């Protein structure tokens, strides 16, 4: 086998997730509210747990409670519940003290949008 390096240069369109991704880059929590059962999913679900496929975009406060956390070579991560959302999301923790339990959505890096939290008030929920 002969090794050969190939680079690809292309852009992915955000598609139906556009409002969510723009929200991440602006530091806003944009969730999806199901028209059938009113469940609010963050991060958004294309198809609701009830089977509904139609939804509306809604803004959340961006405040979240850390449910459990872990850390490693790539940083600290947590399972968090955002105020107003049904369910939980995996988030990256930024400068988050071990004792902090409440965070606020942080502005995402536009090159790699991810859900990140910064500590809010530094204390327990």
PDB file of N, CA and C in Angstrom:
ATOM      1  N   UNK A   1       0.845  -1.166   0.000  1.00  0.00           N
ATOM      2  CA  UNK A   1       0.000   0.000   0.000  1.00  0.00           C
ATOM      3  C   UNK A   1       0.900   1.242   0.000  1.00  0.00           C
ATOM      4  N   UNK A   2       0.537   2.205  -0.816  1.00  0.00           N
ATOM      5  CA  UNK A   2       1.283   3.454  -0.895  1.00  0.00           C
ATOM      6  C   UNK A   2       0.474   4.526  -0.174  1.00  0.00           C
ATOM      7  N   UNK A   3       1.048   5.122   0.882  1.00  0.00           N
ATOM      8  CA  UNK A   3       0.294   6.173   1.583  1.00  0.00           C
ATOM      9  C   UNK A   3       0.161   7.422   0.713  1.00  0.00           C
ATOM     10  N   UNK A   4      -1.021   8.004   0.723  1.00  0.00           N
ATOM     11  CA  UNK A   4      -1.286   9.203  -0.049  1.00  0.00           C
ATOM     12  C   UNK A   4      -2.216  10.096   0.759  1.00  0.00           C
ATOM     13  N   UNK A   5      -1.810  11.327   0.972  1.00  0.00           N
ATOM     14  CA  UNK A   5      -2.641  12.261   1.732  1.00  0.00           C
ATOM     15  C   UNK A   5      -3.536  13.032   0.763  1.00  0.00           C
ATOM     16  N   UNK A   6      -4.826  13.073   1.085  1.00  0.00           N
ATOM     17  CA  UNK A   6      -5.793  13.786   0.265  1.00  0.00           C
ATOM     18  C   UNK A   6      -6.549  14.757   1.172  1.00  0.00           C
ATOM     19  N   UNK A   7      -6.687  15.994   0.731  1.00  0.00           N
ATOM     20  CA  UNK A   7      -7.451  16.984   1.484  1.00  0.00           C
ATOM     21  C   UNK A   7      -8.737  17.304   0.735  1.00  0.00           C
ATOM     22  N   UNK A   8      -9.797  17.413   1.480  1.00  0.00           N
ATOM     23  CA  UNK A   8     -11.091  17.766   0.917  1.00  0.00           C
ATOM     24  C   UNK A   8     -11.483  19.135   1.442  1.00  0.00           C
ATOM     25  N   UNK A   9     -11.984  19.978   0.586  1.00  0.00           N
ATOM     26  CA  UNK A   9     -12.413  21.308   0.979  1.00  0.00           C
ATOM     27  C   UNK A   9     -13.877  21.464   0.583  1.00  0.00           C
ATOM     28  N   UNK A  10     -14.759  21.438   1.565  1.00  0.00           N
ATOM     29  CA  UNK A  10     -16.175  21.587   1.291  1.00  0.00           C
ATOM     30  C   UNK A  10     -16.859  22.194   2.512  1.00  0.00           C
ATOM     31  N   UNK A  11     -18.039  22.713   2.312  1.00  0.00           N
ATOM     32  CA  UNK A  11     -18.823  23.304   3.392  1.00  0.00           C
ATOM     33  C   UNK A  11     -20.141  22.548   3.517  1.00  0.00           C
ATOM     34  N   UNK A  12     -20.515  22.252   4.750  1.00  0.00           N
ATOM     35  CA  UNK A  12     -21.792  21.597   5.015  1.00  0.00           C
ATOM     36  C   UNK A  12     -22.842  22.656   5.317  1.00  0.00           C
ATOM     37  N   UNK A  13     -23.981  22.514   4.724  1.00  0.00           N
ATOM     38  CA  UNK A  13     -25.087  23.420   5.019  1.00  0.00           C
ATOM     39  C   UNK A  13     -25.757  22.968   6.310  1.00  0.00           C
ATOM     40  N   UNK A  14     -26.188  23.900   7.139  1.00  0.00           N
ATOM     41  CA  UNK A  14     -26.788  23.513   8.415  1.00  0.00           C
ATOM     42  C   UNK A  14     -28.161  22.874   8.279  1.00  0.00           C
ATOM     43  N   UNK A  15     -28.842  23.072   7.147  1.00  0.00           N
ATOM     44  CA  UNK A  15     -30.162  22.466   6.959  1.00  0.00           C
ATOM     45  C   UNK A  15     -31.153  22.918   8.011  1.00  0.00           C
ATOM     46  N   UNK A  16     -31.999  22.011   8.466  1.00  0.00           N
ATOM     47  CA  UNK A  16     -33.058  22.364   9.406  1.00  0.00           C
ATOM     48  C   UNK A  16     -32.497  22.800  10.760  1.00  0.00           C
ATOM     49  N   UNK A  17     -31.239  22.459  11.073  1.00  0.00           N
ATOM     50  CA  UNK A  17     -30.631  22.852  12.345  1.00  0.00           C
ATOM     51  C   UNK A  17     -30.093  24.278  12.341  1.00  0.00           C
ATOM     52  N   UNK A  18     -30.280  25.005  11.247  1.00  0.00           N
ATOM     53  CA  UNK A  18     -29.757  26.365  11.122  1.00  0.00           C
ATOM     54  C   UNK A  18     -30.034  27.264  12.318  1.00  0.00           C
ATOM     55  N   UNK A  19     -31.282  27.394  12.773  1.00  0.00           N
ATOM     56  CA  UNK A  19     -31.552  28.281  13.918  1.00  0.00           C
ATOM     57  C   UNK A  19     -30.802  27.863  15.186  1.00  0.00           C
ATOM     58  N   UNK A  20     -30.664  26.567  15.420  1.00  0.00           N
ATOM     59  CA  UNK A  20     -29.932  26.065  16.583  1.00  0.00           C
ATOM     60  C   UNK A  20     -28.453  26.442  16.494  1.00  0.00           C
ATOM     61  N   UNK A  21     -27.835  26.224  15.318  1.00  0.00           N
ATOM     62  CA  UNK A  21     -26.412  26.512  15.143  1.00  0.00           C
ATOM     63  C   UNK A  21     -26.121  28.009  15.202  1.00  0.00           C
ATOM     64  N   UNK A  22     -26.977  28.826  14.607  1.00  0.00           N
ATOM     65  CA  UNK A  22     -26.811  30.277  14.700  1.00  0.00           C
ATOM     66  C   UNK A  22     -26.920  30.701  16.165  1.00  0.00           C
ATOM     67  N   UNK A  23     -27.865  30.107  16.885  1.00  0.00           N
ATOM     68  CA  UNK A  23     -28.011  30.397  18.313  1.00  0.00           C
ATOM     69  C   UNK A  23     -26.743  30.075  19.089  1.00  0.00           C
ATOM     70  N   UNK A  24     -26.138  28.924  18.818  1.00  0.00           N
ATOM     71  CA  UNK A  24     -24.895  28.561  19.506  1.00  0.00           C
ATOM     72  C   UNK A  24     -23.814  29.609  19.274  1.00  0.00           C
ATOM     73  N   UNK A  25     -23.674  30.043  18.043  1.00  0.00           N
ATOM     74  CA  UNK A  25     -22.641  31.028  17.706  1.00  0.00           C
ATOM     75  C   UNK A  25     -22.932  32.394  18.311  1.00  0.00           C
ATOM     76  N   UNK A  26     -24.212  32.664  18.617  1.00  0.00           N
ATOM     77  CA  UNK A  26     -24.598  33.935  19.239  1.00  0.00           C
ATOM     78  C   UNK A  26     -24.731  33.827  20.759  1.00  0.00           C
ATOM     79  N   UNK A  27     -24.516  32.614  21.302  1.00  0.00           N
ATOM     80  CA  UNK A  27     -24.649  32.421  22.740  1.00  0.00           C
ATOM     81  C   UNK A  27     -26.086  32.320  23.209  1.00  0.00           C
ATOM     82  N   UNK A  28     -26.985  31.931  22.315  1.00  0.00           N
ATOM     83  CA  UNK A  28     -28.400  31.783  22.647  1.00  0.00           C
ATOM     84  C   UNK A  28     -28.818  30.319  22.567  1.00  0.00           C
ATOM     85  N   UNK A  29     -29.660  29.910  23.492  1.00  0.00           N
ATOM     86  CA  UNK A  29     -30.183  28.550  23.498  1.00  0.00           C
ATOM     87  C   UNK A  29     -31.470  28.527  22.684  1.00  0.00           C
ATOM     88  N   UNK A  30     -31.411  28.001  21.470  1.00  0.00           N
ATOM     89  CA  UNK A  30     -32.581  27.915  20.592  1.00  0.00           C
ATOM     90  C   UNK A  30     -33.030  26.454  20.561  1.00  0.00           C
ATOM     91  N   UNK A  31     -34.230  26.224  21.049  1.00  0.00           N
ATOM     92  CA  UNK A  31     -34.767  24.870  21.192  1.00  0.00           C
ATOM     93  C   UNK A  31     -35.925  24.663  20.224  1.00  0.00           C
ATOM     94  N   UNK A  32     -36.398  23.439  20.161  1.00  0.00           N
ATOM     95  CA  UNK A  32     -37.517  23.077  19.277  1.00  0.00           C
ATOM     96  C   UNK A  32     -38.700  22.665  20.141  1.00  0.00           C
ATOM     97  N   UNK A  33     -39.853  23.298  19.894  1.00  0.00           N
ATOM     98  CA  UNK A  33     -41.079  22.974  20.630  1.00  0.00           C
ATOM     99  C   UNK A  33     -42.022  22.216  19.709  1.00  0.00           C
ATOM    100  N   UNK A  34     -42.380  21.014  20.126  1.00  0.00           N
ATOM    101  CA  UNK A  34     -43.257  20.153  19.331  1.00  0.00           C
ATOM    102  C   UNK A  34     -44.662  20.752  19.267  1.00  0.00           C
ATOM    103  N   UNK A  35     -45.225  20.812  18.059  1.00  0.00           N
ATOM    104  CA  UNK A  35     -46.585  21.330  17.882  1.00  0.00           C
ATOM    105  C   UNK A  35     -47.645  20.340  18.366  1.00  0.00           C
ATOM    106  N   UNK A  36     -47.273  19.067  18.470  1.00  0.00           N
ATOM    107  CA  UNK A  36     -48.249  18.053  18.876  1.00  0.00           C
ATOM    108  C   UNK A  36     -48.368  17.906  20.390  1.00  0.00           C
ATOM    109  N   UNK A  37     -47.216  17.837  21.093  1.00  0.00           N
ATOM    110  CA  UNK A  37     -47.266  17.577  22.537  1.00  0.00           C
ATOM    111  C   UNK A  37     -46.664  18.703  23.372  1.00  0.00           C
ATOM    112  N   UNK A  38     -46.110  19.721  22.742  1.00  0.00           N
ATOM    113  CA  UNK A  38     -45.522  20.897  23.403  1.00  0.00           C
ATOM    114  C   UNK A  38     -44.208  20.603  24.130  1.00  0.00           C
ATOM    115  N   UNK A  39     -43.629  19.414  23.914  1.00  0.00           N
ATOM    116  CA  UNK A  39     -42.321  19.119  24.516  1.00  0.00           C
ATOM    117  C   UNK A  39     -41.273  20.035  23.886  1.00  0.00           C
ATOM    118  N   UNK A  40     -40.325  20.473  24.701  1.00  0.00           N
ATOM    119  CA  UNK A  40     -39.254  21.344  24.222  1.00  0.00           C
ATOM    120  C   UNK A  40     -37.950  20.581  24.287  1.00  0.00           C
ATOM    121  N   UNK A  41     -37.328  20.399  23.119  1.00  0.00           N
ATOM    122  CA  UNK A  41     -36.080  19.628  23.063  1.00  0.00           C
ATOM    123  C   UNK A  41     -34.888  20.554  22.837  1.00  0.00           C
ATOM    124  N   UNK A  42     -33.884  20.365  23.698  1.00  0.00           N
ATOM    125  CA  UNK A  42     -32.617  21.074  23.558  1.00  0.00           C
ATOM    126  C   UNK A  42     -31.504  20.116  23.933  1.00  0.00           C
ATOM    127  N   UNK A  43     -30.643  19.751  22.996  1.00  0.00           N
ATOM    128  CA  UNK A  43     -30.621  20.178  21.610  1.00  0.00           C
ATOM    129  C   UNK A  43     -31.869  19.682  20.870  1.00  0.00           C
ATOM    130  N   UNK A  44     -32.197  20.350  19.769  1.00  0.00           N
ATOM    131  CA  UNK A  44     -33.450  20.042  19.081  1.00  0.00           C
ATOM    132  C   UNK A  44     -33.479  18.648  18.467  1.00  0.00           C
ATOM    133  N   UNK A  45     -34.673  18.075  18.462  1.00  0.00           N
ATOM    134  CA  UNK A  45     -34.911  16.789  17.827  1.00  0.00           C
ATOM    135  C   UNK A  45     -35.663  17.007  16.527  1.00  0.00           C
ATOM    136  N   UNK A  46     -35.273  16.310  15.471  1.00  0.00           N
ATOM    137  CA  UNK A  46     -35.975  16.404  14.186  1.00  0.00           C
ATOM    138  C   UNK A  46     -37.380  15.827  14.322  1.00  0.00           C
ATOM    139  N   UNK A  47     -37.471  14.705  15.048  1.00  0.00           N
ATOM    140  CA  UNK A  47     -38.762  14.080  15.306  1.00  0.00           C
ATOM    141  C   UNK A  47     -38.901  13.958  16.821  1.00  0.00           C
ATOM    142  N   UNK A  48     -39.980  14.474  17.355  1.00  0.00           N
ATOM    143  CA  UNK A  48     -40.228  14.457  18.795  1.00  0.00           C
ATOM    144  C   UNK A  48     -40.398  13.021  19.297  1.00  0.00           C
ATOM    145  N   UNK A  49     -40.233  12.854  20.575  1.00  0.00           N
ATOM    146  CA  UNK A  49     -40.423  11.533  21.187  1.00  0.00           C
ATOM    147  C   UNK A  49     -41.853  11.021  21.009  1.00  0.00           C
ATOM    148  N   UNK A  50     -42.812  11.969  20.833  1.00  0.00           N
ATOM    149  CA  UNK A  50     -44.211  11.571  20.623  1.00  0.00           C
ATOM    150  C   UNK A  50     -44.465  11.160  19.176  1.00  0.00           C
ATOM    151  N   UNK A  51     -43.479  11.368  18.305  1.00  0.00           N
ATOM    152  CA  UNK A  51     -43.626  11.045  16.894  1.00  0.00           C
ATOM    153  C   UNK A  51     -43.923  12.249  16.028  1.00  0.00           C
ATOM    154  N   UNK A  52     -44.182  13.398  16.656  1.00  0.00           N
ATOM    155  CA  UNK A  52     -44.471  14.622  15.908  1.00  0.00           C
ATOM    156  C   UNK A  52     -43.257  15.111  15.134  1.00  0.00           C
ATOM    157  N   UNK A  53     -43.506  15.581  13.922  1.00  0.00           N
ATOM    158  CA  UNK A  53     -42.420  16.061  13.060  1.00  0.00           C
ATOM    159  C   UNK A  53     -42.451  17.567  12.852  1.00  0.00           C
ATOM    160  N   UNK A  54     -43.469  18.239  13.371  1.00  0.00           N
ATOM    161  CA  UNK A  54     -43.575  19.679  13.198  1.00  0.00           C
ATOM    162  C   UNK A  54     -43.273  20.373  14.514  1.00  0.00           C
ATOM    163  N   UNK A  55     -42.476  21.415  14.425  1.00  0.00           N
ATOM    164  CA  UNK A  55     -42.119  22.144  15.633  1.00  0.00           C
ATOM    165  C   UNK A  55     -41.804  23.590  15.327  1.00  0.00           C
ATOM    166  N   UNK A  56     -41.718  24.357  16.374  1.00  0.00           N
ATOM    167  CA  UNK A  56     -41.389  25.777  16.276  1.00  0.00           C
ATOM    168  C   UNK A  56     -40.119  26.038  17.074  1.00  0.00           C
ATOM    169  N   UNK A  57     -39.342  27.018  16.634  1.00  0.00           N
ATOM    170  CA  UNK A  57     -38.114  27.389  17.331  1.00  0.00           C
ATOM    171  C   UNK A  57     -38.459  28.343  18.462  1.00  0.00           C
ATOM    172  N   UNK A  58     -37.939  28.050  19.651  1.00  0.00           N
ATOM    173  CA  UNK A  58     -38.150  28.898  20.826  1.00  0.00           C
ATOM    174  C   UNK A  58     -36.801  29.174  21.488  1.00  0.00           C
ATOM    175  N   UNK A  59     -36.702  30.320  22.141  1.00  0.00           N
ATOM    176  CA  UNK A  59     -35.472  30.679  22.836  1.00  0.00           C
ATOM    177  C   UNK A  59     -35.608  30.357  24.316  1.00  0.00           C
ATOM    178  N   UNK A  60     -34.572  29.750  24.864  1.00  0.00           N
ATOM    179  CA  UNK A  60     -34.502  29.478  26.291  1.00  0.00           C
ATOM    180  C   UNK A  60     -33.580  30.513  26.930  1.00  0.00           C
ATOM    181  N   UNK A  61     -33.554  30.559  28.244  1.00  0.00           N
ATOM    182  CA  UNK A  61     -32.705  31.521  28.946  1.00  0.00           C
ATOM    183  C   UNK A  61     -31.214  31.201  28.793  1.00  0.00           C
ATOM    184  N   UNK A  62     -30.902  29.940  28.539  1.00  0.00           N
ATOM    185  CA  UNK A  62     -29.505  29.518  28.452  1.00  0.00           C
ATOM    186  C   UNK A  62     -28.937  29.049  29.776  1.00  0.00           C
ATOM    187  N   UNK A  63     -29.709  29.152  30.839  1.00  0.00           N
ATOM    188  CA  UNK A  63     -29.281  28.692  32.162  1.00  0.00           C
ATOM    189  C   UNK A  63     -29.468  27.182  32.235  1.00  0.00           C
ATOM    190  N   UNK A  64     -28.492  26.499  32.835  1.00  0.00           N
ATOM    191  CA  UNK A  64     -28.568  25.040  32.923  1.00  0.00           C
ATOM    192  C   UNK A  64     -28.003  24.549  34.242  1.00  0.00           C
ATOM    193  N   UNK A  65     -28.558  23.453  34.731  1.00  0.00           N
ATOM    194  CA  UNK A  65     -28.073  22.794  35.938  1.00  0.00           C
ATOM    195  C   UNK A  65     -27.231  21.591  35.533  1.00  0.00           C
ATOM    196  N   UNK A  66     -26.048  21.493  36.107  1.00  0.00           N
ATOM    197  CA  UNK A  66     -25.172  20.357  35.851  1.00  0.00           C
ATOM    198  C   UNK A  66     -25.690  19.171  36.661  1.00  0.00           C
ATOM    199  N   UNK A  67     -25.995  18.081  35.974  1.00  0.00           N
ATOM    200  CA  UNK A  67     -26.522  16.886  36.626  1.00  0.00           C
ATOM    201  C   UNK A  67     -25.377  15.973  37.053  1.00  0.00           C
ATOM    202  N   UNK A  68     -24.447  15.724  36.142  1.00  0.00           N
ATOM    203  CA  UNK A  68     -23.236  14.971  36.460  1.00  0.00           C
ATOM    204  C   UNK A  68     -22.133  15.433  35.520  1.00  0.00           C
ATOM    205  N   UNK A  69     -20.893  15.287  35.957  1.00  0.00           N
ATOM    206  CA  UNK A  69     -19.774  15.779  35.167  1.00  0.00           C
ATOM    207  C   UNK A  69     -18.639  14.780  35.149  1.00  0.00           C
ATOM    208  N   UNK A  70     -17.781  14.952  34.156  1.00  0.00           N
ATOM    209  CA  UNK A  70     -16.601  14.117  34.018  1.00  0.00           C
ATOM    210  C   UNK A  70     -15.505  14.957  33.380  1.00  0.00           C
ATOM    211  N   UNK A  71     -14.295  14.504  33.490  1.00  0.00           N
ATOM    212  CA  UNK A  71     -13.183  15.235  32.893  1.00  0.00           C
ATOM    213  C   UNK A  71     -12.171  14.277  32.308  1.00  0.00           C
ATOM    214  N   UNK A  72     -11.345  14.797  31.429  1.00  0.00           N
ATOM    215  CA  UNK A  72     -10.323  13.987  30.795  1.00  0.00           C
ATOM    216  C   UNK A  72      -9.349  14.853  30.050  1.00  0.00           C
ATOM    217  N   UNK A  73      -8.586  14.246  29.185  1.00  0.00           N
ATOM    218  CA  UNK A  73      -7.560  14.963  28.427  1.00  0.00           C
ATOM    219  C   UNK A  73      -8.151  16.047  27.533  1.00  0.00           C
ATOM    220  N   UNK A  74      -9.393  15.878  27.102  1.00  0.00           N
ATOM    221  CA  UNK A  74     -10.034  16.853  26.216  1.00  0.00           C
ATOM    222  C   UNK A  74     -10.830  17.909  26.965  1.00  0.00           C
ATOM    223  N   UNK A  75     -10.762  17.914  28.293  1.00  0.00           N
ATOM    224  CA  UNK A  75     -11.469  18.924  29.075  1.00  0.00           C
ATOM    225  C   UNK A  75     -12.555  18.336  29.944  1.00  0.00           C
ATOM    226  N   UNK A  76     -13.398  19.224  30.468  1.00  0.00           N
ATOM    227  CA  UNK A  76     -14.490  18.818  31.349  1.00  0.00           C
ATOM    228  C   UNK A  76     -15.807  18.847  30.580  1.00  0.00           C
ATOM    229  N   UNK A  77     -16.624  17.832  30.821  1.00  0.00           N
ATOM    230  CA  UNK A  77     -17.923  17.712  30.162  1.00  0.00           C
ATOM    231  C   UNK A  77     -18.965  17.356  31.208  1.00  0.00           C
ATOM    232  N   UNK A  78     -20.233  17.623  30.872  1.00  0.00           N
ATOM    233  CA  UNK A  78     -21.299  17.336  31.826  1.00  0.00           C
ATOM    234  C   UNK A  78     -22.583  16.999  31.096  1.00  0.00           C
ATOM    235  N   UNK A  79     -23.471  16.376  31.831  1.00  0.00           N
ATOM    236  CA  UNK A  79     -24.851  16.188  31.408  1.00  0.00           C
ATOM    237  C   UNK A  79     -25.619  17.294  32.125  1.00  0.00           C
ATOM    238  N   UNK A  80     -26.310  18.147  31.373  1.00  0.00           N
ATOM    239  CA  UNK A  80     -26.975  19.313  31.954  1.00  0.00           C
ATOM    240  C   UNK A  80     -28.423  19.391  31.509  1.00  0.00           C
ATOM    241  N   UNK A  81     -29.244  19.975  32.376  1.00  0.00           N
ATOM    242  CA  UNK A  81     -30.655  20.204  32.055  1.00  0.00           C
ATOM    243  C   UNK A  81     -30.856  21.712  31.927  1.00  0.00           C
ATOM    244  N   UNK A  82     -31.245  22.149  30.727  1.00  0.00           N
ATOM    245  CA  UNK A  82     -31.474  23.568  30.476  1.00  0.00           C
ATOM    246  C   UNK A  82     -32.862  23.962  30.957  1.00  0.00           C
ATOM    247  N   UNK A  83     -32.945  25.115  31.624  1.00  0.00           N
ATOM    248  CA  UNK A  83     -34.232  25.618  32.094  1.00  0.00           C
ATOM    249  C   UNK A  83     -35.202  25.728  30.919  1.00  0.00           C
ATOM    250  N   UNK A  84     -36.378  25.148  31.075  1.00  0.00           N
ATOM    251  CA  UNK A  84     -37.411  25.211  30.047  1.00  0.00           C
ATOM    252  C   UNK A  84     -37.397  24.063  29.067  1.00  0.00           C
ATOM    253  N   UNK A  85     -36.379  23.210  29.121  1.00  0.00           N
ATOM    254  CA  UNK A  85     -36.280  22.091  28.165  1.00  0.00           C
ATOM    255  C   UNK A  85     -36.624  20.774  28.842  1.00  0.00           C
ATOM    256  N   UNK A  86     -37.220  19.880  28.070  1.00  0.00           N
ATOM    257  CA  UNK A  86     -37.470  18.513  28.528  1.00  0.00           C
ATOM    258  C   UNK A  86     -36.253  17.696  28.109  1.00  0.00           C
ATOM    259  N   UNK A  87     -35.667  16.994  29.001  1.00  0.00           N
ATOM    260  CA  UNK A  87     -34.486  16.198  28.676  1.00  0.00           C
ATOM    261  C   UNK A  87     -33.203  16.908  29.053  1.00  0.00           C
ATOM    262  N   UNK A  88     -32.081  16.322  28.642  1.00  0.00           N
ATOM    263  CA  UNK A  88     -30.774  16.840  29.002  1.00  0.00           C
ATOM    264  C   UNK A  88     -29.862  16.893  27.789  1.00  0.00           C
ATOM    265  N   UNK A  89     -28.737  17.591  27.943  1.00  0.00           N
ATOM    266  CA  UNK A  89     -27.773  17.744  26.858  1.00  0.00           C
ATOM    267  C   UNK A  89     -26.362  17.530  27.399  1.00  0.00           C
ATOM    268  N   UNK A  90     -25.484  17.031  26.560  1.00  0.00           N
ATOM    269  CA  UNK A  90     -24.067  16.948  26.891  1.00  0.00           C
ATOM    270  C   UNK A  90     -23.458  18.302  26.571  1.00  0.00           C
ATOM    271  N   UNK A  91     -22.700  18.853  27.519  1.00  0.00           N
ATOM    272  CA  UNK A  91     -22.101  20.171  27.351  1.00  0.00           C
ATOM    273  C   UNK A  91     -20.618  20.121  27.686  1.00  0.00           C
ATOM    274  N   UNK A  92     -19.874  21.046  27.111  1.00  0.00           N
ATOM    275  CA  UNK A  92     -18.476  21.234  27.472  1.00  0.00           C
ATOM    276  C   UNK A  92     -18.451  22.319  28.543  1.00  0.00           C
ATOM    277  N   UNK A  93     -17.678  22.102  29.614  1.00  0.00           N
ATOM    278  CA  UNK A  93     -17.589  23.070  30.702  1.00  0.00           C
ATOM    279  C   UNK A  93     -16.352  23.938  30.513  1.00  0.00           C
ATOM    280  N   UNK A  94     -16.534  25.247  30.588  1.00  0.00           N
ATOM    281  CA  UNK A  94     -15.433  26.193  30.423  1.00  0.00           C
ATOM    282  C   UNK A  94     -15.138  26.874  31.755  1.00  0.00           C
ATOM    283  N   UNK A  95     -13.922  26.682  32.267  1.00  0.00           N
ATOM    284  CA  UNK A  95     -13.508  27.313  33.537  1.00  0.00           C
ATOM    285  C   UNK A  95     -14.547  27.095  34.628  1.00  0.00           C
ATOM    286  N   UNK A  96     -14.989  25.866  34.761  1.00  0.00           N
ATOM    287  CA  UNK A  96     -16.075  25.510  35.660  1.00  0.00           C
ATOM    288  C   UNK A  96     -15.500  24.901  36.934  1.00  0.00           C
ATOM    289  N   UNK A  97     -15.592  25.593  38.073  1.00  0.00           N
ATOM    290  CA  UNK A  97     -15.086  25.013  39.323  1.00  0.00           C
ATOM    291  C   UNK A  97     -15.814  23.717  39.662  1.00  0.00           C
ATOM    292  N   UNK A  98     -15.132  22.839  40.337  1.00  0.00           N
ATOM    293  CA  UNK A  98     -15.686  21.535  40.699  1.00  0.00           C
ATOM    294  C   UNK A  98     -16.989  21.657  41.488  1.00  0.00           C
ATOM    295  N   UNK A  99     -17.097  22.679  42.335  1.00  0.00           N
ATOM    296  CA  UNK A  99     -18.279  22.829  43.191  1.00  0.00           C
ATOM    297  C   UNK A  99     -19.452  23.523  42.484  1.00  0.00           C
ATOM    298  N   UNK A 100     -19.223  24.128  41.326  1.00  0.00           N
ATOM    299  CA  UNK A 100     -20.295  24.837  40.612  1.00  0.00           C
ATOM    300  C   UNK A 100     -21.322  23.848  40.064  1.00  0.00           C
ATOM    301  N   UNK A 101     -22.577  24.209  40.146  1.00  0.00           N
ATOM    302  CA  UNK A 101     -23.648  23.341  39.680  1.00  0.00           C
ATOM    303  C   UNK A 101     -24.576  24.017  38.681  1.00  0.00           C
ATOM    304  N   UNK A 102     -24.416  25.328  38.485  1.00  0.00           N
ATOM    305  CA  UNK A 102     -25.295  26.072  37.577  1.00  0.00           C
ATOM    306  C   UNK A 102     -24.431  26.830  36.588  1.00  0.00           C
ATOM    307  N   UNK A 103     -24.849  26.795  35.321  1.00  0.00           N
ATOM    308  CA  UNK A 103     -24.074  27.477  34.295  1.00  0.00           C
ATOM    309  C   UNK A 103     -24.966  28.217  33.317  1.00  0.00           C
ATOM    310  N   UNK A 104     -24.310  28.970  32.455  1.00  0.00           N
ATOM    311  CA  UNK A 104     -24.977  29.737  31.408  1.00  0.00           C
ATOM    312  C   UNK A 104     -24.338  29.359  30.079  1.00  0.00           C
ATOM    313  N   UNK A 105     -25.148  29.244  29.043  1.00  0.00           N
ATOM    314  CA  UNK A 105     -24.645  28.937  27.713  1.00  0.00           C
ATOM    315  C   UNK A 105     -23.587  29.953  27.312  1.00  0.00           C
ATOM    316  N   UNK A 106     -22.481  29.477  26.767  1.00  0.00           N
ATOM    317  CA  UNK A 106     -21.396  30.345  26.305  1.00  0.00           C
ATOM    318  C   UNK A 106     -21.440  30.438  24.789  1.00  0.00           C
ATOM    319  N   UNK A 107     -20.908  31.525  24.254  1.00  0.00           N
ATOM    320  CA  UNK A 107     -20.824  31.679  22.804  1.00  0.00           C
ATOM    321  C   UNK A 107     -19.900  30.604  22.255  1.00  0.00           C
ATOM    322  N   UNK A 108     -20.347  29.922  21.229  1.00  0.00           N
ATOM    323  CA  UNK A 108     -19.581  28.821  20.644  1.00  0.00           C
ATOM    324  C   UNK A 108     -18.541  29.339  19.666  1.00  0.00           C
ATOM    325  N   UNK A 109     -17.487  28.570  19.496  1.00  0.00           N
ATOM    326  CA  UNK A 109     -16.486  28.841  18.466  1.00  0.00           C
ATOM    327  C   UNK A 109     -17.153  28.574  17.124  1.00  0.00           C
ATOM    328  N   UNK A 110     -17.196  29.562  16.196  1.00  0.00           N
ATOM    329  CA  UNK A 110     -17.900  29.351  14.926  1.00  0.00           C
ATOM    330  C   UNK A 110     -17.316  28.230  14.074  1.00  0.00           C
ATOM    331  N   UNK A 111     -16.039  27.880  14.295  1.00  0.00           N
ATOM    332  CA  UNK A 111     -15.445  26.787  13.532  1.00  0.00           C
ATOM    333  C   UNK A 111     -15.862  25.422  14.058  1.00  0.00           C
ATOM    334  N   UNK A 112     -16.273  25.362  15.311  1.00  0.00           N
ATOM    335  CA  UNK A 112     -16.691  24.094  15.899  1.00  0.00           C
ATOM    336  C   UNK A 112     -17.778  24.372  16.930  1.00  0.00           C
ATOM    337  N   UNK A 113     -19.006  24.680  16.458  1.00  0.00           N
ATOM    338  CA  UNK A 113     -20.049  25.004  17.423  1.00  0.00           C
ATOM    339  C   UNK A 113     -20.379  23.801  18.303  1.00  0.00           C
ATOM    340  N   UNK A 114     -20.324  24.018  19.599  1.00  0.00           N
ATOM    341  CA  UNK A 114     -20.733  22.983  20.541  1.00  0.00           C
ATOM    342  C   UNK A 114     -21.432  23.672  21.701  1.00  0.00           C
ATOM    343  N   UNK A 115     -22.162  22.918  22.466  1.00  0.00           N
ATOM    344  CA  UNK A 115     -22.868  23.470  23.608  1.00  0.00           C
ATOM    345  C   UNK A 115     -21.869  23.578  24.755  1.00  0.00           C
ATOM    346  N   UNK A 116     -21.572  24.808  25.163  1.00  0.00           N
ATOM    347  CA  UNK A 116     -20.619  25.055  26.238  1.00  0.00           C
ATOM    348  C   UNK A 116     -21.269  25.868  27.334  1.00  0.00           C
ATOM    349  N   UNK A 117     -20.856  25.592  28.572  1.00  0.00           N
ATOM    350  CA  UNK A 117     -21.361  26.329  29.727  1.00  0.00           C
ATOM    351  C   UNK A 117     -20.211  27.019  30.451  1.00  0.00           C
ATOM    352  N   UNK A 118     -20.495  28.218  30.947  1.00  0.00           N
ATOM    353  CA  UNK A 118     -19.605  28.909  31.873  1.00  0.00           C
ATOM    354  C   UNK A 118     -20.345  28.949  33.213  1.00  0.00           C
ATOM    355  N   UNK A 119     -19.620  28.983  34.325  1.00  0.00           N
ATOM    356  CA  UNK A 119     -20.292  28.979  35.623  1.00  0.00           C
ATOM    357  C   UNK A 119     -21.163  30.217  35.827  1.00  0.00           C
ATOM    358  N   UNK A 120     -22.261  30.034  36.514  1.00  0.00           N
ATOM    359  CA  UNK A 120     -23.189  31.103  36.817  1.00  0.00           C
ATOM    360  C   UNK A 120     -23.331  31.165  38.335  1.00  0.00           C
ATOM    361  N   UNK A 121     -22.817  32.168  38.945  1.00  0.00           N
ATOM    362  CA  UNK A 121     -22.944  32.307  40.389  1.00  0.00           C
ATOM    363  C   UNK A 121     -22.022  31.397  41.174  1.00  0.00           C
ATOM    364  N   UNK A 122     -21.425  30.396  40.525  1.00  0.00           N
ATOM    365  CA  UNK A 122     -20.424  29.545  41.170  1.00  0.00           C
ATOM    366  C   UNK A 122     -20.917  28.671  42.291  1.00  0.00           C
ATOM    367  N   UNK A 123     -22.217  28.564  42.524  1.00  0.00           N
ATOM    368  CA  UNK A 123     -22.675  27.785  43.664  1.00  0.00           C
ATOM    369  C   UNK A 123     -23.649  26.695  43.286  1.00  0.00           C
ATOM    370  N   UNK A 124     -24.286  26.149  44.297  1.00  0.00           N
ATOM    371  CA  UNK A 124     -25.258  25.081  44.080  1.00  0.00           C
ATOM    372  C   UNK A 124     -26.541  25.655  43.504  1.00  0.00           C
ATOM    373  N   UNK A 125     -27.324  24.796  42.862  1.00  0.00           N
ATOM    374  CA  UNK A 125     -28.591  25.211  42.240  1.00  0.00           C
ATOM    375  C   UNK A 125     -29.592  25.622  43.265  1.00  0.00           C
TER     376      UNK A 125
END
